[in-house]
């Protein structure tokens, strides 16, 4: 699709194995966080080497990421309840 880089929220212990690193190393900070705040959840990977050279700025999550929690709970009530499991392969 021609993307030069990917940024998203995730766990470095998992995504680091695929070449992702902290977005702050590219000079990109997460929207709304003050300078120096913990943003270890915000990751980035260049898909094209050098694509982010000279780039710095702030990332804002797309509006589609935000949901109304009450509406989501109402939606979930349409389905039978399931027990949440913690499997050995999960990070947390």
PDB file of N, CA and C in Angstrom:
ATOM      1  N   UNK A   1       0.814  -1.189   0.000  1.00  0.00           N
ATOM      2  CA  UNK A   1       0.000   0.000   0.000  1.00  0.00           C
ATOM      3  C   UNK A   1       0.861   1.257   0.000  1.00  0.00           C
ATOM      4  N   UNK A   2       2.153   1.106   0.094  1.00  0.00           N
ATOM      5  CA  UNK A   2       3.044   2.252   0.015  1.00  0.00           C
ATOM      6  C   UNK A   2       3.357   2.931   1.327  1.00  0.00           C
ATOM      7  N   UNK A   3       2.935   2.376   2.453  1.00  0.00           N
ATOM      8  CA  UNK A   3       3.225   2.994   3.743  1.00  0.00           C
ATOM      9  C   UNK A   3       4.721   2.963   4.021  1.00  0.00           C
ATOM     10  N   UNK A   4       5.227   4.043   4.598  1.00  0.00           N
ATOM     11  CA  UNK A   4       6.646   4.117   4.930  1.00  0.00           C
ATOM     12  C   UNK A   4       6.934   3.779   6.374  1.00  0.00           C
ATOM     13  N   UNK A   5       5.914   3.876   7.228  1.00  0.00           N
ATOM     14  CA  UNK A   5       6.094   3.587   8.647  1.00  0.00           C
ATOM     15  C   UNK A   5       4.742   3.231   9.265  1.00  0.00           C
ATOM     16  N   UNK A   6       4.814   2.547  10.402  1.00  0.00           N
ATOM     17  CA  UNK A   6       3.611   2.170  11.135  1.00  0.00           C
ATOM     18  C   UNK A   6       3.803   2.584  12.593  1.00  0.00           C
ATOM     19  N   UNK A   7       2.803   3.258  13.157  1.00  0.00           N
ATOM     20  CA  UNK A   7       2.796   3.610  14.579  1.00  0.00           C
ATOM     21  C   UNK A   7       1.515   3.080  15.202  1.00  0.00           C
ATOM     22  N   UNK A   8       1.620   2.539  16.405  1.00  0.00           N
ATOM     23  CA  UNK A   8       0.435   2.073  17.105  1.00  0.00           C
ATOM     24  C   UNK A   8       0.760   1.850  18.574  1.00  0.00           C
ATOM     25  N   UNK A   9      -0.271   1.533  19.341  1.00  0.00           N
ATOM     26  CA  UNK A   9      -0.129   1.257  20.762  1.00  0.00           C
ATOM     27  C   UNK A   9       0.036  -0.246  20.948  1.00  0.00           C
ATOM     28  N   UNK A  10       1.056  -0.646  21.689  1.00  0.00           N
ATOM     29  CA  UNK A  10       1.277  -2.066  21.898  1.00  0.00           C
ATOM     30  C   UNK A  10       2.331  -2.322  22.953  1.00  0.00           C
ATOM     31  N   UNK A  11       2.670  -3.579  23.129  1.00  0.00           N
ATOM     32  CA  UNK A  11       3.630  -4.012  24.136  1.00  0.00           C
ATOM     33  C   UNK A  11       4.959  -4.310  23.452  1.00  0.00           C
ATOM     34  N   UNK A  12       6.019  -3.618  23.867  1.00  0.00           N
ATOM     35  CA  UNK A  12       7.335  -3.783  23.245  1.00  0.00           C
ATOM     36  C   UNK A  12       7.863  -5.206  23.415  1.00  0.00           C
ATOM     37  N   UNK A  13       7.478  -5.892  24.513  1.00  0.00           N
ATOM     38  CA  UNK A  13       7.944  -7.268  24.716  1.00  0.00           C
ATOM     39  C   UNK A  13       7.435  -8.194  23.618  1.00  0.00           C
ATOM     40  N   UNK A  14       6.288  -7.885  23.070  1.00  0.00           N
ATOM     41  CA  UNK A  14       5.719  -8.694  21.994  1.00  0.00           C
ATOM     42  C   UNK A  14       6.151  -8.156  20.626  1.00  0.00           C
ATOM     43  N   UNK A  15       5.897  -6.889  20.361  1.00  0.00           N
ATOM     44  CA  UNK A  15       6.138  -6.321  19.034  1.00  0.00           C
ATOM     45  C   UNK A  15       7.601  -6.004  18.752  1.00  0.00           C
ATOM     46  N   UNK A  16       8.411  -5.915  19.799  1.00  0.00           N
ATOM     47  CA  UNK A  16       9.839  -5.685  19.601  1.00  0.00           C
ATOM     48  C   UNK A  16      10.485  -6.798  18.795  1.00  0.00           C
ATOM     49  N   UNK A  17       9.948  -8.001  18.922  1.00  0.00           N
ATOM     50  CA  UNK A  17      10.467  -9.151  18.168  1.00  0.00           C
ATOM     51  C   UNK A  17      10.266  -8.988  16.666  1.00  0.00           C
ATOM     52  N   UNK A  18       9.333  -8.112  16.296  1.00  0.00           N
ATOM     53  CA  UNK A  18       9.052  -7.874  14.874  1.00  0.00           C
ATOM     54  C   UNK A  18       9.695  -6.588  14.375  1.00  0.00           C
ATOM     55  N   UNK A  19      10.594  -6.031  15.177  1.00  0.00           N
ATOM     56  CA  UNK A  19      11.332  -4.855  14.734  1.00  0.00           C
ATOM     57  C   UNK A  19      10.747  -3.523  15.154  1.00  0.00           C
ATOM     58  N   UNK A  20       9.701  -3.542  15.957  1.00  0.00           N
ATOM     59  CA  UNK A  20       9.136  -2.283  16.446  1.00  0.00           C
ATOM     60  C   UNK A  20       9.987  -1.756  17.586  1.00  0.00           C
ATOM     61  N   UNK A  21      10.018  -0.451  17.717  1.00  0.00           N
ATOM     62  CA  UNK A  21      10.717   0.207  18.808  1.00  0.00           C
ATOM     63  C   UNK A  21       9.853   1.359  19.305  1.00  0.00           C
ATOM     64  N   UNK A  22      10.329   2.040  20.316  1.00  0.00           N
ATOM     65  CA  UNK A  22       9.560   3.160  20.862  1.00  0.00           C
ATOM     66  C   UNK A  22       9.494   4.288  19.835  1.00  0.00           C
ATOM     67  N   UNK A  23       8.305   4.826  19.628  1.00  0.00           N
ATOM     68  CA  UNK A  23       8.118   5.914  18.666  1.00  0.00           C
ATOM     69  C   UNK A  23       8.933   7.140  19.051  1.00  0.00           C
ATOM     70  N   UNK A  24       9.180   7.308  20.343  1.00  0.00           N
ATOM     71  CA  UNK A  24       9.970   8.458  20.797  1.00  0.00           C
ATOM     72  C   UNK A  24      11.373   8.444  20.195  1.00  0.00           C
ATOM     73  N   UNK A  25      11.883   7.276  19.837  1.00  0.00           N
ATOM     74  CA  UNK A  25      13.205   7.192  19.206  1.00  0.00           C
ATOM     75  C   UNK A  25      13.205   7.819  17.809  1.00  0.00           C
ATOM     76  N   UNK A  26      12.023   7.995  17.236  1.00  0.00           N
ATOM     77  CA  UNK A  26      11.895   8.651  15.937  1.00  0.00           C
ATOM     78  C   UNK A  26      11.469  10.109  16.081  1.00  0.00           C
ATOM     79  N   UNK A  27      11.342  10.584  17.328  1.00  0.00           N
ATOM     80  CA  UNK A  27      10.904  11.958  17.544  1.00  0.00           C
ATOM     81  C   UNK A  27       9.400  12.132  17.434  1.00  0.00           C
ATOM     82  N   UNK A  28       8.671  11.036  17.599  1.00  0.00           N
ATOM     83  CA  UNK A  28       7.209  11.087  17.511  1.00  0.00           C
ATOM     84  C   UNK A  28       6.654  10.840  18.906  1.00  0.00           C
ATOM     85  N   UNK A  29       5.790  11.744  19.363  1.00  0.00           N
ATOM     86  CA  UNK A  29       5.218  11.552  20.691  1.00  0.00           C
ATOM     87  C   UNK A  29       3.711  11.361  20.585  1.00  0.00           C
ATOM     88  N   UNK A  30       3.159  10.767  21.621  1.00  0.00           N
ATOM     89  CA  UNK A  30       1.745  10.435  21.648  1.00  0.00           C
ATOM     90  C   UNK A  30       0.925  11.661  22.032  1.00  0.00           C
ATOM     91  N   UNK A  31      -0.166  11.872  21.350  1.00  0.00           N
ATOM     92  CA  UNK A  31      -1.059  13.009  21.577  1.00  0.00           C
ATOM     93  C   UNK A  31      -1.470  13.143  23.034  1.00  0.00           C
ATOM     94  N   UNK A  32      -1.327  14.339  23.558  1.00  0.00           N
ATOM     95  CA  UNK A  32      -1.804  14.635  24.897  1.00  0.00           C
ATOM     96  C   UNK A  32      -0.843  14.301  26.020  1.00  0.00           C
ATOM     97  N   UNK A  33       0.233  13.600  25.728  1.00  0.00           N
ATOM     98  CA  UNK A  33       1.195  13.298  26.782  1.00  0.00           C
ATOM     99  C   UNK A  33       2.226  14.420  26.866  1.00  0.00           C
ATOM    100  N   UNK A  34       2.511  14.858  28.072  1.00  0.00           N
ATOM    101  CA  UNK A  34       3.541  15.891  28.215  1.00  0.00           C
ATOM    102  C   UNK A  34       4.917  15.354  27.851  1.00  0.00           C
ATOM    103  N   UNK A  35       5.798  16.222  27.470  1.00  0.00           N
ATOM    104  CA  UNK A  35       7.180  15.856  27.135  1.00  0.00           C
ATOM    105  C   UNK A  35       7.791  15.090  28.302  1.00  0.00           C
ATOM    106  N   UNK A  36       8.390  13.952  28.047  1.00  0.00           N
ATOM    107  CA  UNK A  36       9.040  13.153  29.076  1.00  0.00           C
ATOM    108  C   UNK A  36       8.140  12.157  29.794  1.00  0.00           C
ATOM    109  N   UNK A  37       6.832  12.182  29.516  1.00  0.00           N
ATOM    110  CA  UNK A  37       5.915  11.228  30.152  1.00  0.00           C
ATOM    111  C   UNK A  37       6.153   9.827  29.593  1.00  0.00           C
ATOM    112  N   UNK A  38       5.787   8.814  30.363  1.00  0.00           N
ATOM    113  CA  UNK A  38       5.961   7.428  29.922  1.00  0.00           C
ATOM    114  C   UNK A  38       5.072   7.152  28.712  1.00  0.00           C
ATOM    115  N   UNK A  39       5.706   6.867  27.598  1.00  0.00           N
ATOM    116  CA  UNK A  39       4.961   6.520  26.379  1.00  0.00           C
ATOM    117  C   UNK A  39       5.468   5.190  25.833  1.00  0.00           C
ATOM    118  N   UNK A  40       5.886   4.316  26.747  1.00  0.00           N
ATOM    119  CA  UNK A  40       6.474   3.039  26.334  1.00  0.00           C
ATOM    120  C   UNK A  40       5.490   2.135  25.601  1.00  0.00           C
ATOM    121  N   UNK A  41       4.219   2.489  25.622  1.00  0.00           N
ATOM    122  CA  UNK A  41       3.184   1.724  24.922  1.00  0.00           C
ATOM    123  C   UNK A  41       3.079   2.124  23.449  1.00  0.00           C
ATOM    124  N   UNK A  42       3.703   3.243  23.084  1.00  0.00           N
ATOM    125  CA  UNK A  42       3.551   3.809  21.738  1.00  0.00           C
ATOM    126  C   UNK A  42       4.751   3.398  20.888  1.00  0.00           C
ATOM    127  N   UNK A  43       4.496   2.564  19.888  1.00  0.00           N
ATOM    128  CA  UNK A  43       5.553   1.922  19.117  1.00  0.00           C
ATOM    129  C   UNK A  43       5.549   2.359  17.656  1.00  0.00           C
ATOM    130  N   UNK A  44       6.689   2.136  17.015  1.00  0.00           N
ATOM    131  CA  UNK A  44       6.827   2.532  15.614  1.00  0.00           C
ATOM    132  C   UNK A  44       7.820   1.602  14.917  1.00  0.00           C
ATOM    133  N   UNK A  45       7.608   1.445  13.623  1.00  0.00           N
ATOM    134  CA  UNK A  45       8.548   0.687  12.795  1.00  0.00           C
ATOM    135  C   UNK A  45       8.594   1.333  11.415  1.00  0.00           C
ATOM    136  N   UNK A  46       9.798   1.615  10.964  1.00  0.00           N
ATOM    137  CA  UNK A  46       9.958   2.097   9.590  1.00  0.00           C
ATOM    138  C   UNK A  46       9.839   0.907   8.648  1.00  0.00           C
ATOM    139  N   UNK A  47       8.996   1.038   7.657  1.00  0.00           N
ATOM    140  CA  UNK A  47       8.862  -0.003   6.643  1.00  0.00           C
ATOM    141  C   UNK A  47       9.790   0.283   5.464  1.00  0.00           C
ATOM    142  N   UNK A  48      10.114   1.554   5.315  1.00  0.00           N
ATOM    143  CA  UNK A  48      11.083   1.998   4.308  1.00  0.00           C
ATOM    144  C   UNK A  48      12.203   2.694   5.056  1.00  0.00           C
ATOM    145  N   UNK A  49      13.404   2.147   4.985  1.00  0.00           N
ATOM    146  CA  UNK A  49      14.546   2.691   5.718  1.00  0.00           C
ATOM    147  C   UNK A  49      14.726   4.178   5.429  1.00  0.00           C
ATOM    148  N   UNK A  50      14.839   4.962   6.507  1.00  0.00           N
ATOM    149  CA  UNK A  50      15.042   6.397   6.387  1.00  0.00           C
ATOM    150  C   UNK A  50      13.779   7.204   6.174  1.00  0.00           C
ATOM    151  N   UNK A  51      12.638   6.551   6.133  1.00  0.00           N
ATOM    152  CA  UNK A  51      11.374   7.237   5.852  1.00  0.00           C
ATOM    153  C   UNK A  51      11.069   8.328   6.868  1.00  0.00           C
ATOM    154  N   UNK A  52      11.455   8.106   8.110  1.00  0.00           N
ATOM    155  CA  UNK A  52      11.155   9.077   9.163  1.00  0.00           C
ATOM    156  C   UNK A  52      12.323  10.020   9.468  1.00  0.00           C
ATOM    157  N   UNK A  53      13.382   9.957   8.680  1.00  0.00           N
ATOM    158  CA  UNK A  53      14.505  10.871   8.887  1.00  0.00           C
ATOM    159  C   UNK A  53      14.014  12.310   8.799  1.00  0.00           C
ATOM    160  N   UNK A  54      14.338  13.103   9.814  1.00  0.00           N
ATOM    161  CA  UNK A  54      13.949  14.509   9.825  1.00  0.00           C
ATOM    162  C   UNK A  54      12.498  14.752  10.198  1.00  0.00           C
ATOM    163  N   UNK A  55      11.783  13.695  10.554  1.00  0.00           N
ATOM    164  CA  UNK A  55      10.372  13.830  10.933  1.00  0.00           C
ATOM    165  C   UNK A  55      10.273  13.868  12.457  1.00  0.00           C
ATOM    166  N   UNK A  56       9.472  14.761  12.963  1.00  0.00           N
ATOM    167  CA  UNK A  56       9.172  14.812  14.401  1.00  0.00           C
ATOM    168  C   UNK A  56       7.755  15.351  14.528  1.00  0.00           C
ATOM    169  N   UNK A  57       7.075  14.957  15.564  1.00  0.00           N
ATOM    170  CA  UNK A  57       5.728  15.475  15.730  1.00  0.00           C
ATOM    171  C   UNK A  57       4.921  14.683  16.717  1.00  0.00           C
ATOM    172  N   UNK A  58       3.621  14.843  16.620  1.00  0.00           N
ATOM    173  CA  UNK A  58       2.678  14.258  17.563  1.00  0.00           C
ATOM    174  C   UNK A  58       1.683  13.383  16.809  1.00  0.00           C
ATOM    175  N   UNK A  59       1.431  12.212  17.356  1.00  0.00           N
ATOM    176  CA  UNK A  59       0.479  11.270  16.778  1.00  0.00           C
ATOM    177  C   UNK A  59      -0.852  11.397  17.506  1.00  0.00           C
ATOM    178  N   UNK A  60      -1.926  11.464  16.765  1.00  0.00           N
ATOM    179  CA  UNK A  60      -3.266  11.465  17.339  1.00  0.00           C
ATOM    180  C   UNK A  60      -4.006  10.223  16.853  1.00  0.00           C
ATOM    181  N   UNK A  61      -4.568   9.440  17.766  1.00  0.00           N
ATOM    182  CA  UNK A  61      -5.302   8.255  17.345  1.00  0.00           C
ATOM    183  C   UNK A  61      -6.520   8.639  16.501  1.00  0.00           C
ATOM    184  N   UNK A  62      -6.861   7.834  15.512  1.00  0.00           N
ATOM    185  CA  UNK A  62      -8.053   8.102  14.703  1.00  0.00           C
ATOM    186  C   UNK A  62      -9.319   8.091  15.552  1.00  0.00           C
ATOM    187  N   UNK A  63     -10.289   8.896  15.193  1.00  0.00           N
ATOM    188  CA  UNK A  63     -11.543   8.974  15.944  1.00  0.00           C
ATOM    189  C   UNK A  63     -12.237   7.618  16.046  1.00  0.00           C
ATOM    190  N   UNK A  64     -12.049   6.762  15.060  1.00  0.00           N
ATOM    191  CA  UNK A  64     -12.666   5.439  15.076  1.00  0.00           C
ATOM    192  C   UNK A  64     -12.201   4.556  16.226  1.00  0.00           C
ATOM    193  N   UNK A  65     -11.089   4.924  16.876  1.00  0.00           N
ATOM    194  CA  UNK A  65     -10.578   4.153  18.006  1.00  0.00           C
ATOM    195  C   UNK A  65     -11.397   4.387  19.273  1.00  0.00           C
ATOM    196  N   UNK A  66     -12.132   5.482  19.312  1.00  0.00           N
ATOM    197  CA  UNK A  66     -12.842   5.847  20.527  1.00  0.00           C
ATOM    198  C   UNK A  66     -14.277   5.323  20.467  1.00  0.00           C
ATOM    199  N   UNK A  67     -14.688   4.648  21.523  1.00  0.00           N
ATOM    200  CA  UNK A  67     -16.034   4.084  21.577  1.00  0.00           C
ATOM    201  C   UNK A  67     -16.740   4.580  22.833  1.00  0.00           C
ATOM    202  N   UNK A  68     -18.037   4.579  22.776  1.00  0.00           N
ATOM    203  CA  UNK A  68     -18.852   4.903  23.936  1.00  0.00           C
ATOM    204  C   UNK A  68     -18.933   3.618  24.768  1.00  0.00           C
ATOM    205  N   UNK A  69     -18.360   3.637  25.960  1.00  0.00           N
ATOM    206  CA  UNK A  69     -18.284   2.426  26.785  1.00  0.00           C
ATOM    207  C   UNK A  69     -19.663   1.863  27.114  1.00  0.00           C
ATOM    208  N   UNK A  70     -20.635   2.732  27.387  1.00  0.00           N
ATOM    209  CA  UNK A  70     -21.990   2.259  27.711  1.00  0.00           C
ATOM    210  C   UNK A  70     -22.603   1.548  26.512  1.00  0.00           C
ATOM    211  N   UNK A  71     -22.420   2.095  25.317  1.00  0.00           N
ATOM    212  CA  UNK A  71     -22.946   1.447  24.105  1.00  0.00           C
ATOM    213  C   UNK A  71     -22.251   0.107  23.870  1.00  0.00           C
ATOM    214  N   UNK A  72     -20.959   0.042  24.143  1.00  0.00           N
ATOM    215  CA  UNK A  72     -20.222  -1.212  23.960  1.00  0.00           C
ATOM    216  C   UNK A  72     -20.725  -2.275  24.937  1.00  0.00           C
ATOM    217  N   UNK A  73     -20.981  -1.868  26.177  1.00  0.00           N
ATOM    218  CA  UNK A  73     -21.516  -2.825  27.164  1.00  0.00           C
ATOM    219  C   UNK A  73     -22.886  -3.334  26.754  1.00  0.00           C
ATOM    220  N   UNK A  74     -23.750  -2.435  26.266  1.00  0.00           N
ATOM    221  CA  UNK A  74     -25.076  -2.853  25.794  1.00  0.00           C
ATOM    222  C   UNK A  74     -24.951  -3.837  24.638  1.00  0.00           C
ATOM    223  N   UNK A  75     -24.040  -3.578  23.735  1.00  0.00           N
ATOM    224  CA  UNK A  75     -23.814  -4.466  22.597  1.00  0.00           C
ATOM    225  C   UNK A  75     -23.358  -5.839  23.085  1.00  0.00           C
ATOM    226  N   UNK A  76     -22.407  -5.851  24.022  1.00  0.00           N
ATOM    227  CA  UNK A  76     -21.874  -7.116  24.529  1.00  0.00           C
ATOM    228  C   UNK A  76     -22.930  -7.959  25.236  1.00  0.00           C
ATOM    229  N   UNK A  77     -23.948  -7.336  25.796  1.00  0.00           N
ATOM    230  CA  UNK A  77     -25.001  -8.062  26.513  1.00  0.00           C
ATOM    231  C   UNK A  77     -25.841  -8.933  25.581  1.00  0.00           C
ATOM    232  N   UNK A  78     -25.709  -8.732  24.269  1.00  0.00           N
ATOM    233  CA  UNK A  78     -26.449  -9.539  23.299  1.00  0.00           C
ATOM    234  C   UNK A  78     -25.893 -10.957  23.194  1.00  0.00           C
ATOM    235  N   UNK A  79     -24.709 -11.202  23.765  1.00  0.00           N
ATOM    236  CA  UNK A  79     -24.027 -12.477  23.618  1.00  0.00           C
ATOM    237  C   UNK A  79     -23.959 -13.197  24.960  1.00  0.00           C
ATOM    238  N   UNK A  80     -23.923 -14.529  24.935  1.00  0.00           N
ATOM    239  CA  UNK A  80     -23.805 -15.262  26.201  1.00  0.00           C
ATOM    240  C   UNK A  80     -22.477 -14.919  26.884  1.00  0.00           C
ATOM    241  N   UNK A  81     -22.475 -14.859  28.213  1.00  0.00           N
ATOM    242  CA  UNK A  81     -21.226 -14.533  28.923  1.00  0.00           C
ATOM    243  C   UNK A  81     -20.169 -15.614  28.717  1.00  0.00           C
ATOM    244  N   UNK A  82     -18.920 -15.195  28.713  1.00  0.00           N
ATOM    245  CA  UNK A  82     -17.803 -16.130  28.585  1.00  0.00           C
ATOM    246  C   UNK A  82     -16.841 -15.890  29.735  1.00  0.00           C
ATOM    247  N   UNK A  83     -16.203 -16.973  30.171  1.00  0.00           N
ATOM    248  CA  UNK A  83     -15.207 -16.854  31.224  1.00  0.00           C
ATOM    249  C   UNK A  83     -13.905 -16.355  30.601  1.00  0.00           C
ATOM    250  N   UNK A  84     -13.307 -15.329  31.220  1.00  0.00           N
ATOM    251  CA  UNK A  84     -12.017 -14.839  30.737  1.00  0.00           C
ATOM    252  C   UNK A  84     -10.934 -15.771  31.245  1.00  0.00           C
ATOM    253  N   UNK A  85     -10.096 -16.222  30.336  1.00  0.00           N
ATOM    254  CA  UNK A  85      -9.011 -17.131  30.682  1.00  0.00           C
ATOM    255  C   UNK A  85      -7.677 -16.425  30.540  1.00  0.00           C
ATOM    256  N   UNK A  86      -6.702 -16.862  31.309  1.00  0.00           N
ATOM    257  CA  UNK A  86      -5.331 -16.408  31.126  1.00  0.00           C
ATOM    258  C   UNK A  86      -4.537 -17.632  30.690  1.00  0.00           C
ATOM    259  N   UNK A  87      -4.061 -17.581  29.448  1.00  0.00           N
ATOM    260  CA  UNK A  87      -3.342 -18.709  28.892  1.00  0.00           C
ATOM    261  C   UNK A  87      -1.839 -18.511  29.046  1.00  0.00           C
ATOM    262  N   UNK A  88      -1.062 -19.589  29.061  1.00  0.00           N
ATOM    263  CA  UNK A  88       0.388 -19.484  29.286  1.00  0.00           C
ATOM    264  C   UNK A  88       1.110 -18.606  28.264  1.00  0.00           C
ATOM    265  N   UNK A  89       0.567 -18.450  27.072  1.00  0.00           N
ATOM    266  CA  UNK A  89       1.248 -17.672  26.039  1.00  0.00           C
ATOM    267  C   UNK A  89       0.945 -16.176  26.117  1.00  0.00           C
ATOM    268  N   UNK A  90       0.053 -15.757  27.022  1.00  0.00           N
ATOM    269  CA  UNK A  90      -0.286 -14.353  27.149  1.00  0.00           C
ATOM    270  C   UNK A  90       0.780 -13.608  27.935  1.00  0.00           C
ATOM    271  N   UNK A  91       1.019 -12.329  27.542  1.00  0.00           N
ATOM    272  CA  UNK A  91       2.010 -11.512  28.253  1.00  0.00           C
ATOM    273  C   UNK A  91       1.504 -11.107  29.620  1.00  0.00           C
ATOM    274  N   UNK A  92       0.229 -10.745  29.716  1.00  0.00           N
ATOM    275  CA  UNK A  92      -0.352 -10.332  30.991  1.00  0.00           C
ATOM    276  C   UNK A  92      -1.823 -10.622  31.001  1.00  0.00           C
TER     277      UNK A  92
END
